[in-house]
């Protein structure tokens, strides 16, 4: 089954965090339209790469701060 068909069936809250310079995950802009769940957050970090949790300290802290905030709002 194609990724788009699988993603369209998801109903759980979704957080996507990825870097704008990510060369491993192509097509996030195209995939976004297939996220049908009501609760979705998509954060694309300008200038970051594939491993957003392993970026330089200042950038990593922003990504982790966003993650912590999202988790706190979903507990």
Protein backbone atom coordinates (compact mmCIF):
# COMPACT_ATOMS: atom_id res chain seq x y z
CA UNK A 1 0.00 0.00 0.00
CA UNK A 2 1.31 3.45 -0.86
CA UNK A 3 2.33 5.87 1.90
CA UNK A 4 -0.41 8.34 0.93
CA UNK A 5 -3.13 5.70 1.45
CA UNK A 6 -1.71 4.67 4.83
CA UNK A 7 -1.36 8.27 6.04
CA UNK A 8 -4.94 9.12 5.07
CA UNK A 9 -6.21 6.41 7.44
CA UNK A 10 -4.40 7.75 10.51
CA UNK A 11 -6.65 9.32 13.13
CA UNK A 12 -4.21 9.95 15.99
CA UNK A 13 -2.71 13.39 16.76
CA UNK A 14 0.32 14.04 14.57
CA UNK A 15 3.48 16.08 14.99
CA UNK A 16 5.92 16.21 12.10
CA UNK A 17 9.23 18.01 12.64
CA UNK A 18 11.65 18.13 9.75
CA UNK A 19 14.31 20.34 8.29
CA UNK A 20 13.87 22.27 5.07
CA UNK A 21 17.21 20.92 3.86
CA UNK A 22 16.36 17.28 4.60
CA UNK A 23 17.58 15.16 1.70
CA UNK A 24 16.30 11.85 3.13
CA UNK A 25 12.62 12.81 3.47
CA UNK A 26 11.47 14.19 0.14
CA UNK A 27 7.91 15.19 -0.53
CA UNK A 28 6.67 16.40 2.86
CA UNK A 29 4.85 19.25 1.11
CA UNK A 30 3.09 16.75 -1.15
CA UNK A 31 2.39 14.37 1.75
CA UNK A 32 0.86 17.14 3.93
CA UNK A 33 -2.37 17.16 1.92
CA UNK A 34 -2.90 13.49 2.80
CA UNK A 35 -2.91 14.09 6.56
CA UNK A 36 -6.67 13.95 7.24
CA UNK A 37 -6.61 13.84 11.06
CA UNK A 38 -8.13 16.83 12.87
CA UNK A 39 -5.12 17.32 15.15
CA UNK A 40 -1.99 17.81 13.10
CA UNK A 41 1.06 20.00 13.53
CA UNK A 42 3.71 20.21 10.85
CA UNK A 43 6.88 22.14 11.63
CA UNK A 44 9.49 22.60 8.95
CA UNK A 45 12.65 24.19 10.30
CA UNK A 46 14.41 26.45 7.84
CA UNK A 47 18.01 25.42 7.17
CA UNK A 48 17.92 22.22 9.23
CA UNK A 49 18.56 18.74 7.91
CA UNK A 50 17.21 15.22 8.51
CA UNK A 51 18.08 14.74 12.18
CA UNK A 52 16.50 17.82 13.73
CA UNK A 53 17.19 16.51 17.26
CA UNK A 54 20.93 16.36 16.49
CA UNK A 55 21.43 19.88 15.13
CA UNK A 56 23.68 22.52 16.69
CA UNK A 57 22.69 23.52 20.23
CA UNK A 58 20.54 26.61 19.53
CA UNK A 59 18.61 24.93 16.72
CA UNK A 60 18.24 21.67 18.64
CA UNK A 61 16.89 23.52 21.68
CA UNK A 62 14.17 25.16 19.56
CA UNK A 63 13.13 21.83 18.06
CA UNK A 64 13.07 20.15 21.48
CA UNK A 65 11.16 23.09 22.97
CA UNK A 66 8.51 22.71 20.23
CA UNK A 67 8.34 18.96 20.89
CA UNK A 68 7.95 19.46 24.65
CA UNK A 69 5.20 22.03 24.13
CA UNK A 70 3.33 19.77 21.75
CA UNK A 71 3.58 16.83 24.14
CA UNK A 72 2.40 18.94 27.08
CA UNK A 73 -0.65 20.00 25.08
CA UNK A 74 -1.45 16.37 24.24
CA UNK A 75 -1.14 14.75 27.68
